[in-house]
Amino acid sequence: MKNILVPIDFSEVSKNATDYAIGLAKLLGASITLFHVFHIPAVASESLVVMPNFSELESKSDELINKYKKELKDKHGNEICIDTIVKPGFLIEELKDIIEEKKFDLVIMGITGAGKLEELLMGSNSTMAINNIKASVIVVPPRAQFKPVKNIAFACDFEKETTSNTIEKVKKISTVFDAQLHILNVVDSDEKPNFDKASAVVKLEIIMNNVRHTLNFPESDDITFAINEFADRHAVDLLIMVPHKHNFLKSLFHKSNTKKMAFHTHIPLLAINE
């Protein structure tokens, strides 16, 4: 994780995610790239409203991002290399293209974006990024601040195969932080013993034999609640999940579930794409 991409829309949430990214970059000896995507307004032909042209929008975006880069240098010093990229278009499409072109291996972004519809669209950019780009994504909640990661929870579904590449990434992350790894599998209250699942657990134990870890099987019919409770009880600093492996990801930012997501006010989520 030496090349970190940070989407920025200049909202407080995205600025907080940038501060988190810089803290992580200092620990990893990584560089970060601020990435701003500006939209070109579509105006009906009969409209008399004068809209800024492409050059003006691009110039304004360049001005904003360079000003923000200077603010970051003043705040955090020159220890971290900070680059900037500005592009027109739509965030997710441009993210996919820039990751492919520049080979970024990690994206760090806030949980919400700027705009009047942010409550309705809470997490939409984040969840779309998690599900549509190849790089791993750290989603930083509004109140989260970077601090040494001592406890990592890896929500693992033993009913579905987790690739060895993903397991190696989790091991590497735990080693980099020198953190305690809590492997977490929420089981239904009526779940019966399963040979395939037991075999998967044994295989995982073998792979993780040189990593400080625990295996945890909390019983609950509500995955969201169980992970929330576990995270609070074990002072989890980082939650790791694999997209498409958990229905939890679909409900993670769902408007109706935000009230019971207490830990999202302070615990970042790392989604590892396989």
Foldseek 3Di string as FASTA:
>chain_A
DQEEEQEDPPDLQSVQLVQQVVVVCLLVVHAYEYEYEAEDDDDDPPDPDDDDDPVVRQVVVVVVVVVVVVVCCVVPNDSHHYHYDYYYDDPQVVVQVVCVVVVGQEYTGEQFDDDPCGLVCGNVVVLSNLPRHQHKYKYAYSQAHHDQFAEEEEEDELVDDDDPVVLVVVQVVCVSSVHEYEYEYEAEPPDDDDPSSVVSVVVSCVVCVPGRYDYYYHYDPDPQLVVQVVCVVVVGQEYEYEPPRDCCSVCVRPSVCPVSNVCSNYHMYIYHYD
